[in-house]
Amino acid sequence: MRDPEFIELKNRFLFGVGIVILFAIPIMIFLVKTYGTSSVLNKINDDETFTILVTAKSCDNCNLVKDILKDNNVKFVKLNSSTNKNYEEIMKKFKLENKREEYPILIYVKDGEMQANLFSIDTKEKVEDFIEFHGLNNSR
């Protein structure tokens, strides 16, 4: 016969392991989705057409550009140069350099290839002209 204390200890241990697994799996999934592969890189590799808004922590005009894009129904992906670990790789893929760290940057990607970019946006008119010229508010 087994000792009742041993059985109770075993049951508590198994219960504890179950609780850890219950919480660990969703946390692992969240971390992989958040810090795993970049959604921007996935879109580029899948030859999608989209717009990238490159921002930084110290960007004054980034929210202005984001609001203009939303007001014009432009679907875009936000890429934060300060926090996205794939920022350098994405910029190299498009052969772009931002040595002076000018933000925000708009990048229009068609079929996975960069078609146009706009650096250091400081007026609403620049964004609206970019949107109109490339027809970004008419599709997607």
N, C-alpha and C. Protein backbone atom coordinates (compact mmCIF):
# COMPACT_ATOMS: atom_id res chain seq x y z
N MET A 1 0.82 -1.18 0.00
CA MET A 1 0.00 0.00 0.00
C MET A 1 0.87 1.24 0.00
N ARG A 2 0.39 2.22 -0.66
CA ARG A 2 1.13 3.48 -0.71
C ARG A 2 0.73 4.37 0.44
N ASP A 3 1.67 5.17 0.82
CA ASP A 3 1.46 6.12 1.89
C ASP A 3 0.52 7.24 1.41
N PRO A 4 -0.54 7.57 2.15
CA PRO A 4 -1.46 8.64 1.73
C PRO A 4 -0.77 10.00 1.58
N GLU A 5 0.25 10.27 2.35
CA GLU A 5 0.98 11.54 2.22
C GLU A 5 1.70 11.60 0.88
N PHE A 6 2.27 10.47 0.46
CA PHE A 6 2.97 10.42 -0.82
C PHE A 6 2.00 10.67 -1.96
N ILE A 7 0.82 10.07 -1.89
CA ILE A 7 -0.19 10.24 -2.94
C ILE A 7 -0.65 11.70 -2.99
N GLU A 8 -0.88 12.30 -1.85
CA GLU A 8 -1.29 13.70 -1.81
C GLU A 8 -0.20 14.61 -2.37
N LEU A 9 1.04 14.35 -2.02
CA LEU A 9 2.17 15.13 -2.53
C LEU A 9 2.28 14.99 -4.05
N LYS A 10 2.11 13.78 -4.54
CA LYS A 10 2.17 13.53 -5.99
C LYS A 10 1.04 14.29 -6.69
N ASN A 11 -0.15 14.26 -6.13
CA ASN A 11 -1.28 14.96 -6.73
C ASN A 11 -1.07 16.47 -6.74
N ARG A 12 -0.53 17.02 -5.68
CA ARG A 12 -0.23 18.46 -5.63
C ARG A 12 0.83 18.83 -6.67
N PHE A 13 1.83 17.97 -6.80
CA PHE A 13 2.89 18.21 -7.78
C PHE A 13 2.29 18.23 -9.19
N LEU A 14 1.47 17.24 -9.53
CA LEU A 14 0.86 17.17 -10.85
C LEU A 14 -0.08 18.37 -11.09
N PHE A 15 -0.79 18.78 -10.05
CA PHE A 15 -1.66 19.95 -10.16
C PHE A 15 -0.82 21.20 -10.45
N GLY A 16 0.29 21.34 -9.75
CA GLY A 16 1.19 22.48 -9.96
C GLY A 16 1.76 22.51 -11.36
N VAL A 17 2.18 21.34 -11.85
CA VAL A 17 2.72 21.24 -13.21
C VAL A 17 1.63 21.63 -14.21
N GLY A 18 0.41 21.18 -13.99
CA GLY A 18 -0.71 21.54 -14.88
C GLY A 18 -0.97 23.03 -14.92
N ILE A 19 -0.92 23.68 -13.76
CA ILE A 19 -1.13 25.13 -13.69
C ILE A 19 -0.02 25.87 -14.44
N VAL A 20 1.22 25.44 -14.26
CA VAL A 20 2.35 26.08 -14.94
C VAL A 20 2.18 25.94 -16.46
N ILE A 21 1.82 24.76 -16.91
CA ILE A 21 1.63 24.54 -18.35
C ILE A 21 0.48 25.40 -18.87
N LEU A 22 -0.59 25.48 -18.11
CA LEU A 22 -1.75 26.27 -18.50
C LEU A 22 -1.40 27.73 -18.74
N PHE A 23 -0.52 28.29 -17.93
CA PHE A 23 -0.13 29.69 -18.09
C PHE A 23 1.08 29.86 -19.00
N ALA A 24 1.96 28.89 -19.04
CA ALA A 24 3.20 29.03 -19.81
C ALA A 24 2.95 29.00 -21.31
N ILE A 25 2.06 28.16 -21.77
CA ILE A 25 1.83 28.03 -23.21
C ILE A 25 1.30 29.34 -23.82
N PRO A 26 0.26 29.95 -23.27
CA PRO A 26 -0.19 31.24 -23.85
C PRO A 26 0.88 32.33 -23.78
N ILE A 27 1.65 32.36 -22.72
CA ILE A 27 2.72 33.36 -22.61
C ILE A 27 3.77 33.12 -23.68
N MET A 28 4.12 31.87 -23.92
CA MET A 28 5.12 31.54 -24.95
C MET A 28 4.60 31.94 -26.34
N ILE A 29 3.33 31.67 -26.60
CA ILE A 29 2.75 32.04 -27.90
C ILE A 29 2.78 33.55 -28.07
N PHE A 30 2.41 34.29 -27.03
CA PHE A 30 2.45 35.75 -27.08
C PHE A 30 3.86 36.25 -27.37
N LEU A 31 4.84 35.71 -26.67
CA LEU A 31 6.22 36.17 -26.85
C LEU A 31 6.73 35.87 -28.26
N VAL A 32 6.41 34.71 -28.79
CA VAL A 32 6.86 34.36 -30.14
C VAL A 32 6.22 35.29 -31.16
N LYS A 33 4.92 35.56 -31.00
CA LYS A 33 4.24 36.46 -31.94
C LYS A 33 4.76 37.88 -31.83
N THR A 34 5.04 38.32 -30.61
CA THR A 34 5.48 39.70 -30.40
C THR A 34 6.94 39.91 -30.79
N TYR A 35 7.80 38.99 -30.38
CA TYR A 35 9.22 39.20 -30.58
C TYR A 35 9.85 38.22 -31.56
N GLY A 36 9.04 37.41 -32.18
CA GLY A 36 9.54 36.44 -33.14
C GLY A 36 9.81 37.12 -34.47
N THR A 37 9.32 36.56 -35.53
CA THR A 37 9.55 37.13 -36.85
C THR A 37 8.71 38.40 -37.02
N SER A 38 9.21 39.29 -37.81
CA SER A 38 8.56 40.57 -38.03
C SER A 38 7.43 40.42 -39.04
N SER A 39 6.29 41.04 -38.75
CA SER A 39 5.18 41.00 -39.70
C SER A 39 5.55 41.73 -40.99
N VAL A 40 6.41 42.75 -40.88
CA VAL A 40 6.86 43.47 -42.08
C VAL A 40 7.68 42.54 -42.96
N LEU A 41 8.61 41.81 -42.37
CA LEU A 41 9.41 40.86 -43.16
C LEU A 41 8.53 39.79 -43.79
N ASN A 42 7.54 39.32 -43.05
CA ASN A 42 6.63 38.31 -43.61
C ASN A 42 5.89 38.86 -44.82
N LYS A 43 5.42 40.12 -44.73
CA LYS A 43 4.71 40.73 -45.85
C LYS A 43 5.63 40.92 -47.06
N ILE A 44 6.87 41.31 -46.80
CA ILE A 44 7.83 41.47 -47.89
C ILE A 44 8.09 40.14 -48.56
N ASN A 45 8.35 39.11 -47.76
CA ASN A 45 8.65 37.79 -48.30
C ASN A 45 7.45 37.16 -49.01
N ASP A 46 6.24 37.57 -48.64
CA ASP A 46 5.03 37.06 -49.29
C ASP A 46 4.62 37.89 -50.49
N ASP A 47 5.49 38.85 -50.89
CA ASP A 47 5.26 39.72 -52.04
C ASP A 47 3.94 40.48 -51.95
N GLU A 48 3.65 41.00 -50.77
CA GLU A 48 2.42 41.76 -50.58
C GLU A 48 2.63 43.22 -50.95
N THR A 49 1.52 43.93 -51.13
CA THR A 49 1.53 45.36 -51.40
C THR A 49 0.99 46.06 -50.16
N PHE A 50 1.77 46.99 -49.62
CA PHE A 50 1.40 47.67 -48.38
C PHE A 50 2.27 48.91 -48.18
N THR A 51 1.94 49.67 -47.15
CA THR A 51 2.69 50.87 -46.80
C THR A 51 3.30 50.68 -45.41
N ILE A 52 4.52 51.12 -45.25
CA ILE A 52 5.20 51.05 -43.96
C ILE A 52 5.37 52.47 -43.43
N LEU A 53 5.01 52.65 -42.17
CA LEU A 53 5.28 53.91 -41.48
C LEU A 53 6.40 53.63 -40.49
N VAL A 54 7.57 54.18 -40.76
CA VAL A 54 8.72 53.99 -39.88
C VAL A 54 8.72 55.12 -38.86
N THR A 55 8.75 54.75 -37.59
CA THR A 55 8.71 55.73 -36.52
C THR A 55 9.89 55.53 -35.58
N ALA A 56 10.00 56.42 -34.61
CA ALA A 56 11.03 56.32 -33.58
C ALA A 56 10.46 56.88 -32.29
N LYS A 57 11.11 56.57 -31.20
CA LYS A 57 10.62 57.05 -29.90
C LYS A 57 10.58 58.57 -29.83
N SER A 58 11.56 59.22 -30.43
CA SER A 58 11.67 60.68 -30.32
C SER A 58 11.11 61.40 -31.55
N CYS A 59 10.13 60.81 -32.20
CA CYS A 59 9.58 61.38 -33.44
C CYS A 59 8.43 62.32 -33.12
N ASP A 60 8.56 63.58 -33.57
CA ASP A 60 7.53 64.58 -33.31
C ASP A 60 6.34 64.45 -34.26
N ASN A 61 6.60 64.11 -35.52
CA ASN A 61 5.54 64.11 -36.53
C ASN A 61 4.94 62.73 -36.80
N CYS A 62 5.38 61.72 -36.10
CA CYS A 62 4.91 60.36 -36.37
C CYS A 62 3.41 60.20 -36.14
N ASN A 63 2.91 60.78 -35.07
CA ASN A 63 1.46 60.67 -34.81
C ASN A 63 0.65 61.45 -35.85
N LEU A 64 1.18 62.57 -36.31
CA LEU A 64 0.51 63.34 -37.36
C LEU A 64 0.36 62.48 -38.61
N VAL A 65 1.44 61.84 -39.03
CA VAL A 65 1.42 61.02 -40.24
C VAL A 65 0.48 59.83 -40.04
N LYS A 66 0.55 59.20 -38.88
CA LYS A 66 -0.32 58.06 -38.58
C LYS A 66 -1.79 58.47 -38.70
N ASP A 67 -2.14 59.61 -38.14
CA ASP A 67 -3.53 60.09 -38.20
C ASP A 67 -3.96 60.39 -39.64
N ILE A 68 -3.08 60.97 -40.43
CA ILE A 68 -3.39 61.28 -41.82
C ILE A 68 -3.63 59.99 -42.60
N LEU A 69 -2.79 58.99 -42.37
CA LEU A 69 -2.97 57.70 -43.05
C LEU A 69 -4.32 57.08 -42.67
N LYS A 70 -4.64 57.12 -41.39
CA LYS A 70 -5.93 56.57 -40.94
C LYS A 70 -7.10 57.35 -41.54
N ASP A 71 -7.01 58.68 -41.56
CA ASP A 71 -8.08 59.51 -42.11
C ASP A 71 -8.31 59.24 -43.60
N ASN A 72 -7.26 58.82 -44.30
CA ASN A 72 -7.35 58.54 -45.72
C ASN A 72 -7.54 57.06 -46.01
N ASN A 73 -7.84 56.28 -44.99
CA ASN A 73 -8.09 54.84 -45.14
C ASN A 73 -6.94 54.09 -45.79
N VAL A 74 -5.72 54.48 -45.44
CA VAL A 74 -4.54 53.79 -45.95
C VAL A 74 -4.16 52.72 -44.94
N LYS A 75 -4.11 51.49 -45.39
CA LYS A 75 -3.66 50.41 -44.50
C LYS A 75 -2.14 50.44 -44.47
N PHE A 76 -1.60 50.44 -43.27
CA PHE A 76 -0.16 50.53 -43.13
C PHE A 76 0.31 49.67 -41.97
N VAL A 77 1.60 49.37 -42.02
CA VAL A 77 2.26 48.63 -40.94
C VAL A 77 3.21 49.60 -40.28
N LYS A 78 3.15 49.67 -38.97
CA LYS A 78 4.04 50.57 -38.23
C LYS A 78 5.33 49.81 -37.89
N LEU A 79 6.45 50.43 -38.16
CA LEU A 79 7.76 49.85 -37.88
C LEU A 79 8.53 50.83 -37.01
N ASN A 80 8.71 50.49 -35.75
CA ASN A 80 9.41 51.37 -34.82
C ASN A 80 10.90 51.06 -34.88
N SER A 81 11.68 52.03 -35.31
CA SER A 81 13.13 51.83 -35.45
C SER A 81 13.81 51.64 -34.11
N SER A 82 13.19 52.12 -33.05
CA SER A 82 13.80 52.02 -31.72
C SER A 82 13.60 50.65 -31.08
N THR A 83 12.52 49.97 -31.44
CA THR A 83 12.20 48.72 -30.75
C THR A 83 12.15 47.49 -31.63
N ASN A 84 12.03 47.64 -32.94
CA ASN A 84 11.92 46.47 -33.81
C ASN A 84 13.30 45.93 -34.13
N LYS A 85 13.52 44.68 -33.76
CA LYS A 85 14.85 44.08 -33.94
C LYS A 85 15.19 43.86 -35.41
N ASN A 86 14.20 43.87 -36.30
CA ASN A 86 14.45 43.64 -37.72
C ASN A 86 14.53 44.94 -38.53
N TYR A 87 14.57 46.06 -37.84
CA TYR A 87 14.58 47.36 -38.53
C TYR A 87 15.74 47.48 -39.51
N GLU A 88 16.94 47.18 -39.06
CA GLU A 88 18.13 47.30 -39.92
C GLU A 88 18.03 46.38 -41.13
N GLU A 89 17.57 45.16 -40.91
CA GLU A 89 17.44 44.19 -42.00
C GLU A 89 16.43 44.67 -43.05
N ILE A 90 15.34 45.23 -42.59
CA ILE A 90 14.31 45.74 -43.51
C ILE A 90 14.85 46.92 -44.31
N MET A 91 15.53 47.83 -43.64
CA MET A 91 16.10 48.98 -44.34
C MET A 91 17.15 48.54 -45.37
N LYS A 92 17.98 47.56 -45.02
CA LYS A 92 18.98 47.05 -45.96
C LYS A 92 18.31 46.37 -47.15
N LYS A 93 17.23 45.67 -46.89
CA LYS A 93 16.51 44.98 -47.96
C LYS A 93 16.03 45.98 -49.02
N PHE A 94 15.64 47.17 -48.57
CA PHE A 94 15.18 48.21 -49.49
C PHE A 94 16.31 49.16 -49.91
N LYS A 95 17.53 48.87 -49.46
CA LYS A 95 18.70 49.70 -49.78
C LYS A 95 18.50 51.14 -49.33
N LEU A 96 17.95 51.29 -48.13
CA LEU A 96 17.73 52.61 -47.55
C LEU A 96 18.67 52.82 -46.37
N GLU A 97 19.18 54.03 -46.26
CA GLU A 97 19.99 54.41 -45.11
C GLU A 97 19.35 55.62 -44.45
N ASN A 98 19.39 55.62 -43.15
CA ASN A 98 18.84 56.75 -42.40
C ASN A 98 19.88 57.18 -41.38
N LYS A 99 21.04 57.57 -41.88
CA LYS A 99 22.16 57.92 -41.00
C LYS A 99 21.85 59.13 -40.12
N ARG A 100 21.05 60.05 -40.64
CA ARG A 100 20.71 61.23 -39.85
C ARG A 100 19.48 61.00 -38.97
N GLU A 101 18.96 59.79 -39.01
CA GLU A 101 17.81 59.40 -38.20
C GLU A 101 16.66 60.39 -38.33
N GLU A 102 16.20 60.54 -39.56
CA GLU A 102 15.08 61.42 -39.86
C GLU A 102 13.80 60.60 -39.88
N TYR A 103 12.84 61.00 -39.08
CA TYR A 103 11.56 60.29 -38.99
C TYR A 103 10.44 61.30 -39.05
N PRO A 104 9.27 60.88 -39.44
CA PRO A 104 8.84 59.57 -39.90
C PRO A 104 9.26 59.31 -41.34
N ILE A 105 9.17 58.04 -41.72
CA ILE A 105 9.46 57.62 -43.09
C ILE A 105 8.26 56.83 -43.58
N LEU A 106 7.83 57.13 -44.78
CA LEU A 106 6.80 56.32 -45.44
C LEU A 106 7.46 55.52 -46.54
N ILE A 107 7.15 54.24 -46.60
CA ILE A 107 7.68 53.37 -47.64
C ILE A 107 6.50 52.65 -48.28
N TYR A 108 6.38 52.82 -49.59
CA TYR A 108 5.33 52.12 -50.33
C TYR A 108 5.94 50.88 -50.96
N VAL A 109 5.38 49.72 -50.61
CA VAL A 109 5.89 48.43 -51.09
C VAL A 109 4.82 47.80 -51.98
N LYS A 110 5.22 47.44 -53.19
CA LYS A 110 4.29 46.77 -54.11
C LYS A 110 4.89 45.43 -54.50
N ASP A 111 4.14 44.38 -54.26
CA ASP A 111 4.58 43.02 -54.56
C ASP A 111 5.93 42.70 -53.92
N GLY A 112 6.12 43.18 -52.70
CA GLY A 112 7.34 42.89 -51.94
C GLY A 112 8.53 43.76 -52.30
N GLU A 113 8.38 44.67 -53.25
CA GLU A 113 9.48 45.54 -53.68
C GLU A 113 9.12 46.99 -53.37
N MET A 114 10.12 47.75 -52.87
CA MET A 114 9.89 49.16 -52.57
C MET A 114 9.66 49.93 -53.86
N GLN A 115 8.58 50.69 -53.89
CA GLN A 115 8.27 51.53 -55.05
C GLN A 115 8.63 52.99 -54.80
N ALA A 116 8.46 53.44 -53.55
CA ALA A 116 8.74 54.83 -53.23
C ALA A 116 8.94 54.98 -51.74
N ASN A 117 9.63 56.06 -51.37
CA ASN A 117 9.79 56.37 -49.95
C ASN A 117 9.79 57.87 -49.77
N LEU A 118 9.46 58.27 -48.56
CA LEU A 118 9.41 59.69 -48.22
C LEU A 118 9.97 59.85 -46.82
N PHE A 119 11.08 60.58 -46.71
CA PHE A 119 11.78 60.76 -45.43
C PHE A 119 11.40 62.09 -44.79
N SER A 120 11.55 62.14 -43.49
CA SER A 120 11.46 63.38 -42.72
C SER A 120 10.22 64.21 -43.08
N ILE A 121 9.07 63.61 -42.89
CA ILE A 121 7.81 64.25 -43.25
C ILE A 121 7.45 65.29 -42.19
N ASP A 122 7.20 66.53 -42.66
CA ASP A 122 6.89 67.58 -41.70
C ASP A 122 5.60 68.34 -42.01
N THR A 123 4.93 67.98 -43.12
CA THR A 123 3.67 68.65 -43.43
C THR A 123 2.61 67.64 -43.86
N LYS A 124 1.38 68.01 -43.64
CA LYS A 124 0.24 67.18 -44.04
C LYS A 124 0.20 67.03 -45.56
N GLU A 125 0.56 68.08 -46.27
CA GLU A 125 0.51 68.07 -47.72
C GLU A 125 1.44 67.02 -48.32
N LYS A 126 2.61 66.84 -47.74
CA LYS A 126 3.55 65.83 -48.25
C LYS A 126 2.94 64.43 -48.17
N VAL A 127 2.29 64.15 -47.07
CA VAL A 127 1.67 62.83 -46.88
C VAL A 127 0.51 62.66 -47.85
N GLU A 128 -0.33 63.66 -47.95
CA GLU A 128 -1.49 63.57 -48.85
C GLU A 128 -1.06 63.45 -50.31
N ASP A 129 0.00 64.17 -50.71
CA ASP A 129 0.51 64.04 -52.07
C ASP A 129 1.05 62.63 -52.32
N PHE A 130 1.75 62.07 -51.35
CA PHE A 130 2.29 60.71 -51.45
C PHE A 130 1.13 59.71 -51.61
N ILE A 131 0.10 59.87 -50.80
CA ILE A 131 -1.06 58.98 -50.84
C ILE A 131 -1.75 59.08 -52.20
N GLU A 132 -1.98 60.30 -52.65
CA GLU A 132 -2.68 60.50 -53.92
C GLU A 132 -1.85 59.99 -55.10
N PHE A 133 -0.56 60.32 -55.14
CA PHE A 133 0.29 59.93 -56.26
C PHE A 133 0.33 58.42 -56.44
N HIS A 134 0.38 57.69 -55.33
CA HIS A 134 0.48 56.23 -55.39
C HIS A 134 -0.88 55.53 -55.29
N GLY A 135 -1.94 56.30 -55.16
CA GLY A 135 -3.28 55.71 -55.10
C GLY A 135 -3.49 54.81 -53.89
N LEU A 136 -2.93 55.20 -52.78
CA LEU A 136 -2.96 54.33 -51.58
C LEU A 136 -4.32 54.30 -50.90
N ASN A 137 -5.15 55.31 -51.09
CA ASN A 137 -6.44 55.32 -50.42
C ASN A 137 -7.54 54.68 -51.27
N ASN A 138 -7.22 54.27 -52.48
CA ASN A 138 -8.21 53.68 -53.36
C ASN A 138 -8.28 52.17 -53.28
N SER A 139 -7.24 51.54 -52.77
CA SER A 139 -7.22 50.08 -52.78
C SER A 139 -6.85 49.55 -51.41
N ARG A 140 -6.95 48.26 -51.27
CA ARG A 140 -6.61 47.52 -50.05
C ARG A 140 -7.58 47.84 -49.00
